[in-house]
Amino acid sequence: MRSVEWASGAEAQRDSLRLEMSPKRLERFEAALKQALEQIQMFEESAPIAPISRSGRRDVRQVVFGEGYRLIYVILPEHLLILSLLPPGSNQALD
């Protein structure tokens, strides 16, 4: 099982989202995020290719969790790198 690391931009997105949440919502978010991270560690290639990757790279994946948050990650030889954590409804492109 590969470890998970966060890109600095993804960490900033995560921290910003956390600051905007009520305590109850934050609790649900954290539980759903933990489950999503465990899922990608166990089944890294089961998530669909991220449609927001304009280059169509097969190693860039997306998992949707919670209230529609999207976790975008890349499968690297040593670990999984979280590239972005997008809120529901975001259409931000990666490249």
PDB file of N, CA and C in Angstrom:
ATOM      1  N   MET A   1       0.839  -1.172   0.000  1.00  0.00           N
ATOM      2  CA  MET A   1       0.000   0.000   0.000  1.00  0.00           C
ATOM      3  C   MET A   1       0.891   1.243   0.000  1.00  0.00           C
ATOM      4  N   ARG A   2       0.635   2.132  -0.934  1.00  0.00           N
ATOM      5  CA  ARG A   2       1.435   3.360  -1.037  1.00  0.00           C
ATOM      6  C   ARG A   2       0.977   4.395  -0.017  1.00  0.00           C
ATOM      7  N   SER A   3       1.915   5.197   0.406  1.00  0.00           N
ATOM      8  CA  SER A   3       1.567   6.285   1.324  1.00  0.00           C
ATOM      9  C   SER A   3       0.900   7.416   0.539  1.00  0.00           C
ATOM     10  N   VAL A   4       0.252   8.307   1.255  1.00  0.00           N
ATOM     11  CA  VAL A   4      -0.401   9.468   0.658  1.00  0.00           C
ATOM     12  C   VAL A   4       0.329  10.721   1.094  1.00  0.00           C
ATOM     13  N   GLU A   5       0.649  11.566   0.145  1.00  0.00           N
ATOM     14  CA  GLU A   5       1.261  12.859   0.435  1.00  0.00           C
ATOM     15  C   GLU A   5       0.397  13.940  -0.207  1.00  0.00           C
ATOM     16  N   TRP A   6       0.444  15.127   0.362  1.00  0.00           N
ATOM     17  CA  TRP A   6      -0.348  16.246  -0.132  1.00  0.00           C
ATOM     18  C   TRP A   6       0.561  17.292  -0.780  1.00  0.00           C
ATOM     19  N   ALA A   7       0.223  17.733  -1.986  1.00  0.00           N
ATOM     20  CA  ALA A   7       0.902  18.879  -2.594  1.00  0.00           C
ATOM     21  C   ALA A   7       0.533  20.115  -1.771  1.00  0.00           C
ATOM     22  N   SER A   8       1.395  21.098  -1.739  1.00  0.00           N
ATOM     23  CA  SER A   8       1.151  22.273  -0.891  1.00  0.00           C
ATOM     24  C   SER A   8      -0.156  22.981  -1.261  1.00  0.00           C
ATOM     25  N   GLY A   9      -0.463  23.042  -2.540  1.00  0.00           N
ATOM     26  CA  GLY A   9      -1.715  23.683  -2.959  1.00  0.00           C
ATOM     27  C   GLY A   9      -2.935  22.929  -2.472  1.00  0.00           C
ATOM     28  N   ALA A  10      -2.852  21.609  -2.473  1.00  0.00           N
ATOM     29  CA  ALA A  10      -3.965  20.786  -1.994  1.00  0.00           C
ATOM     30  C   ALA A  10      -4.127  20.929  -0.482  1.00  0.00           C
ATOM     31  N   GLU A  11      -3.020  21.024   0.224  1.00  0.00           N
ATOM     32  CA  GLU A  11      -3.091  21.250   1.674  1.00  0.00           C
ATOM     33  C   GLU A  11      -3.778  22.576   1.967  1.00  0.00           C
ATOM     34  N   ALA A  12      -3.436  23.600   1.204  1.00  0.00           N
ATOM     35  CA  ALA A  12      -4.048  24.920   1.393  1.00  0.00           C
ATOM     36  C   ALA A  12      -5.555  24.863   1.106  1.00  0.00           C
ATOM     37  N   GLN A  13      -5.943  24.131   0.050  1.00  0.00           N
ATOM     38  CA  GLN A  13      -7.360  23.975  -0.258  1.00  0.00           C
ATOM     39  C   GLN A  13      -8.087  23.271   0.887  1.00  0.00           C
ATOM     40  N   ARG A  14      -7.490  22.205   1.397  1.00  0.00           N
ATOM     41  CA  ARG A  14      -8.082  21.459   2.510  1.00  0.00           C
ATOM     42  C   ARG A  14      -8.240  22.338   3.743  1.00  0.00           C
ATOM     43  N   ASP A  15      -7.205  23.080   4.078  1.00  0.00           N
ATOM     44  CA  ASP A  15      -7.253  23.932   5.265  1.00  0.00           C
ATOM     45  C   ASP A  15      -8.283  25.045   5.113  1.00  0.00           C
ATOM     46  N   SER A  16      -8.374  25.603   3.922  1.00  0.00           N
ATOM     47  CA  SER A  16      -9.354  26.656   3.658  1.00  0.00           C
ATOM     48  C   SER A  16     -10.782  26.134   3.783  1.00  0.00           C
ATOM     49  N   LEU A  17     -11.029  24.951   3.232  1.00  0.00           N
ATOM     50  CA  LEU A  17     -12.351  24.347   3.343  1.00  0.00           C
ATOM     51  C   LEU A  17     -12.708  24.088   4.800  1.00  0.00           C
ATOM     52  N   ARG A  18     -11.762  23.604   5.568  1.00  0.00           N
ATOM     53  CA  ARG A  18     -12.001  23.309   6.984  1.00  0.00           C
ATOM     54  C   ARG A  18     -12.418  24.566   7.752  1.00  0.00           C
ATOM     55  N   LEU A  19     -11.769  25.692   7.446  1.00  0.00           N
ATOM     56  CA  LEU A  19     -12.062  26.940   8.151  1.00  0.00           C
ATOM     57  C   LEU A  19     -13.489  27.434   7.899  1.00  0.00           C
ATOM     58  N   GLU A  20     -14.070  27.055   6.769  1.00  0.00           N
ATOM     59  CA  GLU A  20     -15.400  27.522   6.392  1.00  0.00           C
ATOM     60  C   GLU A  20     -16.523  26.658   6.970  1.00  0.00           C
ATOM     61  N   MET A  21     -16.176  25.560   7.627  1.00  0.00           N
ATOM     62  CA  MET A  21     -17.190  24.582   8.051  1.00  0.00           C
ATOM     63  C   MET A  21     -17.583  24.742   9.512  1.00  0.00           C
ATOM     64  N   SER A  22     -18.852  24.448   9.766  1.00  0.00           N
ATOM     65  CA  SER A  22     -19.326  24.361  11.147  1.00  0.00           C
ATOM     66  C   SER A  22     -18.720  23.109  11.772  1.00  0.00           C
ATOM     67  N   PRO A  23     -18.717  23.018  13.088  1.00  0.00           N
ATOM     68  CA  PRO A  23     -18.138  21.833  13.739  1.00  0.00           C
ATOM     69  C   PRO A  23     -18.782  20.510  13.283  1.00  0.00           C
ATOM     70  N   LYS A  24     -20.092  20.479  13.150  1.00  0.00           N
ATOM     71  CA  LYS A  24     -20.764  19.239  12.711  1.00  0.00           C
ATOM     72  C   LYS A  24     -20.377  18.887  11.281  1.00  0.00           C
ATOM     73  N   ARG A  25     -20.387  19.885  10.416  1.00  0.00           N
ATOM     74  CA  ARG A  25     -20.042  19.643   9.019  1.00  0.00           C
ATOM     75  C   ARG A  25     -18.582  19.218   8.901  1.00  0.00           C
ATOM     76  N   LEU A  26     -17.716  19.836   9.702  1.00  0.00           N
ATOM     77  CA  LEU A  26     -16.294  19.483   9.696  1.00  0.00           C
ATOM     78  C   LEU A  26     -16.111  18.029  10.123  1.00  0.00           C
ATOM     79  N   GLU A  27     -16.856  17.601  11.110  1.00  0.00           N
ATOM     80  CA  GLU A  27     -16.772  16.213  11.568  1.00  0.00           C
ATOM     81  C   GLU A  27     -17.152  15.243  10.454  1.00  0.00           C
ATOM     82  N   ARG A  28     -18.233  15.536   9.735  1.00  0.00           N
ATOM     83  CA  ARG A  28     -18.658  14.680   8.611  1.00  0.00           C
ATOM     84  C   ARG A  28     -17.620  14.707   7.489  1.00  0.00           C
ATOM     85  N   PHE A  29     -17.085  15.894   7.210  1.00  0.00           N
ATOM     86  CA  PHE A  29     -16.070  16.052   6.171  1.00  0.00           C
ATOM     87  C   PHE A  29     -14.828  15.219   6.496  1.00  0.00           C
ATOM     88  N   GLU A  30     -14.347  15.326   7.731  1.00  0.00           N
ATOM     89  CA  GLU A  30     -13.141  14.591   8.136  1.00  0.00           C
ATOM     90  C   GLU A  30     -13.340  13.087   8.035  1.00  0.00           C
ATOM     91  N   ALA A  31     -14.504  12.606   8.444  1.00  0.00           N
ATOM     92  CA  ALA A  31     -14.784  11.164   8.360  1.00  0.00           C
ATOM     93  C   ALA A  31     -14.823  10.713   6.903  1.00  0.00           C
ATOM     94  N   ALA A  32     -15.475  11.497   6.050  1.00  0.00           N
ATOM     95  CA  ALA A  32     -15.569  11.143   4.634  1.00  0.00           C
ATOM     96  C   ALA A  32     -14.197  11.227   3.954  1.00  0.00           C
ATOM     97  N   LEU A  33     -13.405  12.237   4.303  1.00  0.00           N
ATOM     98  CA  LEU A  33     -12.056  12.379   3.738  1.00  0.00           C
ATOM     99  C   LEU A  33     -11.186  11.193   4.145  1.00  0.00           C
ATOM    100  N   LYS A  34     -11.253  10.811   5.404  1.00  0.00           N
ATOM    101  CA  LYS A  34     -10.468   9.661   5.878  1.00  0.00           C
ATOM    102  C   LYS A  34     -10.843   8.400   5.102  1.00  0.00           C
ATOM    103  N   GLN A  35     -12.134   8.196   4.898  1.00  0.00           N
ATOM    104  CA  GLN A  35     -12.598   7.015   4.154  1.00  0.00           C
ATOM    105  C   GLN A  35     -12.118   7.072   2.705  1.00  0.00           C
ATOM    106  N   ALA A  36     -12.174   8.250   2.081  1.00  0.00           N
ATOM    107  CA  ALA A  36     -11.711   8.398   0.693  1.00  0.00           C
ATOM    108  C   ALA A  36     -10.212   8.102   0.588  1.00  0.00           C
ATOM    109  N   LEU A  37      -9.434   8.589   1.549  1.00  0.00           N
ATOM    110  CA  LEU A  37      -7.991   8.337   1.528  1.00  0.00           C
ATOM    111  C   LEU A  37      -7.682   6.858   1.699  1.00  0.00           C
ATOM    112  N   GLU A  38      -8.413   6.192   2.578  1.00  0.00           N
ATOM    113  CA  GLU A  38      -8.225   4.748   2.751  1.00  0.00           C
ATOM    114  C   GLU A  38      -8.599   3.998   1.475  1.00  0.00           C
ATOM    115  N   GLN A  39      -9.654   4.452   0.821  1.00  0.00           N
ATOM    116  CA  GLN A  39     -10.097   3.817  -0.432  1.00  0.00           C
ATOM    117  C   GLN A  39      -9.034   3.913  -1.513  1.00  0.00           C
ATOM    118  N   ILE A  40      -8.465   5.100  -1.691  1.00  0.00           N
ATOM    119  CA  ILE A  40      -7.473   5.224  -2.768  1.00  0.00           C
ATOM    120  C   ILE A  40      -6.183   4.496  -2.433  1.00  0.00           C
ATOM    121  N   GLN A  41      -5.870   4.369  -1.156  1.00  0.00           N
ATOM    122  CA  GLN A  41      -4.679   3.604  -0.795  1.00  0.00           C
ATOM    123  C   GLN A  41      -4.865   2.124  -1.100  1.00  0.00           C
ATOM    124  N   MET A  42      -6.033   1.623  -0.854  1.00  0.00           N
ATOM    125  CA  MET A  42      -6.286   0.199  -1.072  1.00  0.00           C
ATOM    126  C   MET A  42      -6.552  -0.132  -2.544  1.00  0.00           C
ATOM    127  N   PHE A  43      -7.205   0.776  -3.247  1.00  0.00           N
ATOM    128  CA  PHE A  43      -7.628   0.524  -4.629  1.00  0.00           C
ATOM    129  C   PHE A  43      -7.295   1.739  -5.490  1.00  0.00           C
ATOM    130  N   GLU A  44      -6.027   2.057  -5.589  1.00  0.00           N
ATOM    131  CA  GLU A  44      -5.596   3.311  -6.216  1.00  0.00           C
ATOM    132  C   GLU A  44      -6.040   3.495  -7.663  1.00  0.00           C
ATOM    133  N   GLU A  45      -6.154   2.409  -8.413  1.00  0.00           N
ATOM    134  CA  GLU A  45      -6.528   2.531  -9.820  1.00  0.00           C
ATOM    135  C   GLU A  45      -8.018   2.309 -10.061  1.00  0.00           C
ATOM    136  N   SER A  46      -8.786   2.103  -9.002  1.00  0.00           N
ATOM    137  CA  SER A  46     -10.220   1.874  -9.176  1.00  0.00           C
ATOM    138  C   SER A  46     -10.994   3.171  -9.409  1.00  0.00           C
ATOM    139  N   ALA A  47     -10.440   4.277  -8.982  1.00  0.00           N
ATOM    140  CA  ALA A  47     -11.097   5.568  -9.197  1.00  0.00           C
ATOM    141  C   ALA A  47     -10.985   5.949 -10.672  1.00  0.00           C
ATOM    142  N   PRO A  48     -11.977   6.675 -11.186  1.00  0.00           N
ATOM    143  CA  PRO A  48     -11.919   7.062 -12.597  1.00  0.00           C
ATOM    144  C   PRO A  48     -10.806   8.067 -12.877  1.00  0.00           C
ATOM    145  N   ILE A  49     -10.381   8.091 -14.119  1.00  0.00           N
ATOM    146  CA  ILE A  49      -9.420   9.098 -14.559  1.00  0.00           C
ATOM    147  C   ILE A  49     -10.076  10.462 -14.380  1.00  0.00           C
ATOM    148  N   ALA A  50      -9.322  11.403 -13.855  1.00  0.00           N
ATOM    149  CA  ALA A  50      -9.874  12.728 -13.573  1.00  0.00           C
ATOM    150  C   ALA A  50     -10.225  13.446 -14.875  1.00  0.00           C
ATOM    151  N   PRO A  51     -11.498  13.770 -15.073  1.00  0.00           N
ATOM    152  CA  PRO A  51     -11.896  14.441 -16.316  1.00  0.00           C
ATOM    153  C   PRO A  51     -11.346  15.854 -16.427  1.00  0.00           C
ATOM    154  N   ILE A  52     -10.921  16.442 -15.319  1.00  0.00           N
ATOM    155  CA  ILE A  52     -10.397  17.801 -15.394  1.00  0.00           C
ATOM    156  C   ILE A  52      -8.929  17.838 -15.795  1.00  0.00           C
ATOM    157  N   SER A  53      -8.326  16.671 -15.976  1.00  0.00           N
ATOM    158  CA  SER A  53      -6.967  16.618 -16.493  1.00  0.00           C
ATOM    159  C   SER A  53      -7.060  16.722 -18.012  1.00  0.00           C
ATOM    160  N   ARG A  54      -6.805  17.905 -18.538  1.00  0.00           N
ATOM    161  CA  ARG A  54      -6.972  18.129 -19.980  1.00  0.00           C
ATOM    162  C   ARG A  54      -6.060  17.254 -20.827  1.00  0.00           C
ATOM    163  N   SER A  55      -4.939  16.817 -20.249  1.00  0.00           N
ATOM    164  CA  SER A  55      -4.014  15.984 -21.014  1.00  0.00           C
ATOM    165  C   SER A  55      -4.482  14.535 -21.075  1.00  0.00           C
ATOM    166  N   GLY A  56      -5.486  14.173 -20.246  1.00  0.00           N
ATOM    167  CA  GLY A  56      -6.012  12.814 -20.251  1.00  0.00           C
ATOM    168  C   GLY A  56      -5.060  11.781 -19.677  1.00  0.00           C
ATOM    169  N   ARG A  57      -4.179  12.216 -18.802  1.00  0.00           N
ATOM    170  CA  ARG A  57      -3.220  11.280 -18.195  1.00  0.00           C
ATOM    171  C   ARG A  57      -3.952  10.206 -17.422  1.00  0.00           C
ATOM    172  N   ARG A  58      -3.558   8.971 -17.624  1.00  0.00           N
ATOM    173  CA  ARG A  58      -4.212   7.831 -16.975  1.00  0.00           C
ATOM    174  C   ARG A  58      -3.815   7.675 -15.504  1.00  0.00           C
ATOM    175  N   ASP A  59      -2.735   8.336 -15.096  1.00  0.00           N
ATOM    176  CA  ASP A  59      -2.308   8.219 -13.705  1.00  0.00           C
ATOM    177  C   ASP A  59      -2.916   9.306 -12.810  1.00  0.00           C
ATOM    178  N   VAL A  60      -3.676  10.214 -13.390  1.00  0.00           N
ATOM    179  CA  VAL A  60      -4.353  11.250 -12.612  1.00  0.00           C
ATOM    180  C   VAL A  60      -5.790  10.791 -12.401  1.00  0.00           C
ATOM    181  N   ARG A  61      -6.149  10.579 -11.135  1.00  0.00           N
ATOM    182  CA  ARG A  61      -7.447   9.990 -10.790  1.00  0.00           C
ATOM    183  C   ARG A  61      -8.253  10.936  -9.920  1.00  0.00           C
ATOM    184  N   GLN A  62      -9.526  10.621  -9.823  1.00  0.00           N
ATOM    185  CA  GLN A  62     -10.438  11.429  -9.026  1.00  0.00           C
ATOM    186  C   GLN A  62     -11.351  10.532  -8.210  1.00  0.00           C
ATOM    187  N   VAL A  63     -11.556  10.890  -6.965  1.00  0.00           N
ATOM    188  CA  VAL A  63     -12.549  10.212  -6.141  1.00  0.00           C
ATOM    189  C   VAL A  63     -13.472  11.290  -5.575  1.00  0.00           C
ATOM    190  N   VAL A  64     -14.767  11.038  -5.665  1.00  0.00           N
ATOM    191  CA  VAL A  64     -15.767  11.957  -5.135  1.00  0.00           C
ATOM    192  C   VAL A  64     -16.212  11.415  -3.786  1.00  0.00           C
ATOM    193  N   PHE A  65     -16.296  12.298  -2.798  1.00  0.00           N
ATOM    194  CA  PHE A  65     -16.671  11.850  -1.461  1.00  0.00           C
ATOM    195  C   PHE A  65     -17.510  12.914  -0.763  1.00  0.00           C
ATOM    196  N   GLY A  66     -18.129  12.499   0.330  1.00  0.00           N
ATOM    197  CA  GLY A  66     -18.899  13.431   1.148  1.00  0.00           C
ATOM    198  C   GLY A  66     -20.029  14.078   0.370  1.00  0.00           C
ATOM    199  N   GLU A  67     -20.090  15.383   0.435  1.00  0.00           N
ATOM    200  CA  GLU A  67     -21.151  16.167  -0.200  1.00  0.00           C
ATOM    201  C   GLU A  67     -20.804  16.556  -1.634  1.00  0.00           C
ATOM    202  N   GLY A  68     -19.908  15.803  -2.263  1.00  0.00           N
ATOM    203  CA  GLY A  68     -19.514  16.098  -3.637  1.00  0.00           C
ATOM    204  C   GLY A  68     -18.124  16.695  -3.772  1.00  0.00           C
ATOM    205  N   TYR A  69     -17.315  16.588  -2.713  1.00  0.00           N
ATOM    206  CA  TYR A  69     -15.921  17.036  -2.804  1.00  0.00           C
ATOM    207  C   TYR A  69     -15.170  16.099  -3.727  1.00  0.00           C
ATOM    208  N   ARG A  70     -14.188  16.648  -4.443  1.00  0.00           N
ATOM    209  CA  ARG A  70     -13.396  15.823  -5.366  1.00  0.00           C
ATOM    210  C   ARG A  70     -11.929  15.864  -4.960  1.00  0.00           C
ATOM    211  N   LEU A  71     -11.384  14.700  -4.777  1.00  0.00           N
ATOM    212  CA  LEU A  71      -9.985  14.533  -4.433  1.00  0.00           C
ATOM    213  C   LEU A  71      -9.270  14.083  -5.706  1.00  0.00           C
ATOM    214  N   ILE A  72      -8.376  14.908  -6.196  1.00  0.00           N
ATOM    215  CA  ILE A  72      -7.624  14.609  -7.419  1.00  0.00           C
ATOM    216  C   ILE A  72      -6.222  14.180  -7.001  1.00  0.00           C
ATOM    217  N   TYR A  73      -5.797  13.032  -7.493  1.00  0.00           N
ATOM    218  CA  TYR A  73      -4.481  12.530  -7.097  1.00  0.00           C
ATOM    219  C   TYR A  73      -3.779  11.896  -8.289  1.00  0.00           C
ATOM    220  N   VAL A  74      -2.478  11.773  -8.156  1.00  0.00           N
ATOM    221  CA  VAL A  74      -1.656  11.131  -9.176  1.00  0.00           C
ATOM    222  C   VAL A  74      -0.981   9.926  -8.537  1.00  0.00           C
ATOM    223  N   ILE A  75      -0.922   8.853  -9.304  1.00  0.00           N
ATOM    224  CA  ILE A  75      -0.277   7.625  -8.846  1.00  0.00           C
ATOM    225  C   ILE A  75       1.193   7.692  -9.243  1.00  0.00           C
ATOM    226  N   LEU A  76       2.053   7.764  -8.257  1.00  0.00           N
ATOM    227  CA  LEU A  76       3.501   7.811  -8.485  1.00  0.00           C
ATOM    228  C   LEU A  76       4.110   6.495  -8.008  1.00  0.00           C
ATOM    229  N   PRO A  77       5.320   6.186  -8.441  1.00  0.00           N
ATOM    230  CA  PRO A  77       5.920   4.901  -8.054  1.00  0.00           C
ATOM    231  C   PRO A  77       6.023   4.700  -6.544  1.00  0.00           C
ATOM    232  N   GLU A  78       6.331   5.747  -5.802  1.00  0.00           N
ATOM    233  CA  GLU A  78       6.562   5.624  -4.366  1.00  0.00           C
ATOM    234  C   GLU A  78       5.334   5.933  -3.508  1.00  0.00           C
ATOM    235  N   HIS A  79       4.428   6.760  -4.012  1.00  0.00           N
ATOM    236  CA  HIS A  79       3.299   7.203  -3.201  1.00  0.00           C
ATOM    237  C   HIS A  79       2.174   7.757  -4.078  1.00  0.00           C
ATOM    238  N   LEU A  80       1.088   8.106  -3.436  1.00  0.00           N
ATOM    239  CA  LEU A  80      -0.016   8.810  -4.096  1.00  0.00           C
ATOM    240  C   LEU A  80       0.101  10.270  -3.688  1.00  0.00           C
ATOM    241  N   LEU A  81       0.033  11.160  -4.659  1.00  0.00           N
ATOM    242  CA  LEU A  81       0.168  12.588  -4.375  1.00  0.00           C
ATOM    243  C   LEU A  81      -1.172  13.269  -4.614  1.00  0.00           C
ATOM    244  N   ILE A  82      -1.730  13.858  -3.562  1.00  0.00           N
ATOM    245  CA  ILE A  82      -2.973  14.607  -3.692  1.00  0.00           C
ATOM    246  C   ILE A  82      -2.632  15.935  -4.352  1.00  0.00           C
ATOM    247  N   LEU A  83      -3.210  16.155  -5.517  1.00  0.00           N
ATOM    248  CA  LEU A  83      -2.946  17.374  -6.273  1.00  0.00           C
ATOM    249  C   LEU A  83      -3.925  18.488  -5.932  1.00  0.00           C
ATOM    250  N   SER A  84      -5.169  18.102  -5.662  1.00  0.00           N
ATOM    251  CA  SER A  84      -6.199  19.108  -5.459  1.00  0.00           C
ATOM    252  C   SER A  84      -7.359  18.522  -4.661  1.00  0.00           C
ATOM    253  N   LEU A  85      -7.993  19.358  -3.879  1.00  0.00           N
ATOM    254  CA  LEU A  85      -9.216  19.016  -3.174  1.00  0.00           C
ATOM    255  C   LEU A  85     -10.235  20.087  -3.544  1.00  0.00           C
ATOM    256  N   LEU A  86     -11.194  19.704  -4.373  1.00  0.00           N
ATOM    257  CA  LEU A  86     -12.140  20.664  -4.926  1.00  0.00           C
ATOM    258  C   LEU A  86     -13.498  20.573  -4.242  1.00  0.00           C
ATOM    259  N   PRO A  87     -14.110  21.723  -3.984  1.00  0.00           N
ATOM    260  CA  PRO A  87     -15.433  21.717  -3.378  1.00  0.00           C
ATOM    261  C   PRO A  87     -16.495  21.302  -4.396  1.00  0.00           C
ATOM    262  N   PRO A  88     -17.674  20.957  -3.916  1.00  0.00           N
ATOM    263  CA  PRO A  88     -18.757  20.586  -4.843  1.00  0.00           C
ATOM    264  C   PRO A  88     -18.999  21.700  -5.868  1.00  0.00           C
ATOM    265  N   GLY A  89     -19.181  21.281  -7.117  1.00  0.00           N
ATOM    266  CA  GLY A  89     -19.499  22.227  -8.186  1.00  0.00           C
ATOM    267  C   GLY A  89     -18.312  22.903  -8.847  1.00  0.00           C
ATOM    268  N   SER A  90     -17.105  22.648  -8.384  1.00  0.00           N
ATOM    269  CA  SER A  90     -15.926  23.260  -8.973  1.00  0.00           C
ATOM    270  C   SER A  90     -15.566  22.571 -10.289  1.00  0.00           C
ATOM    271  N   ASN A  91     -15.186  23.366 -11.282  1.00  0.00           N
ATOM    272  CA  ASN A  91     -14.781  22.829 -12.582  1.00  0.00           C
ATOM    273  C   ASN A  91     -13.345  23.213 -12.918  1.00  0.00           C
ATOM    274  N   GLN A  92     -12.552  23.432 -11.920  1.00  0.00           N
ATOM    275  CA  GLN A  92     -11.174  23.835 -12.087  1.00  0.00           C
ATOM    276  C   GLN A  92     -10.372  22.783 -12.839  1.00  0.00           C
ATOM    277  N   ALA A  93      -9.582  23.212 -13.822  1.00  0.00           N
ATOM    278  CA  ALA A  93      -8.719  22.288 -14.571  1.00  0.00           C
ATOM    279  C   ALA A  93      -7.346  22.211 -13.904  1.00  0.00           C
ATOM    280  N   LEU A  94      -6.682  21.098 -14.102  1.00  0.00           N
ATOM    281  CA  LEU A  94      -5.366  20.885 -13.486  1.00  0.00           C
ATOM    282  C   LEU A  94      -4.206  21.316 -14.355  1.00  0.00           C
ATOM    283  N   ASP A  95      -4.317  21.138 -15.643  1.00  0.00           N
ATOM    284  CA  ASP A  95      -3.147  21.435 -16.489  1.00  0.00           C
ATOM    285  C   ASP A  95      -3.560  22.149 -17.751  1.00  0.00           C
TER     286      ASP A  95
END
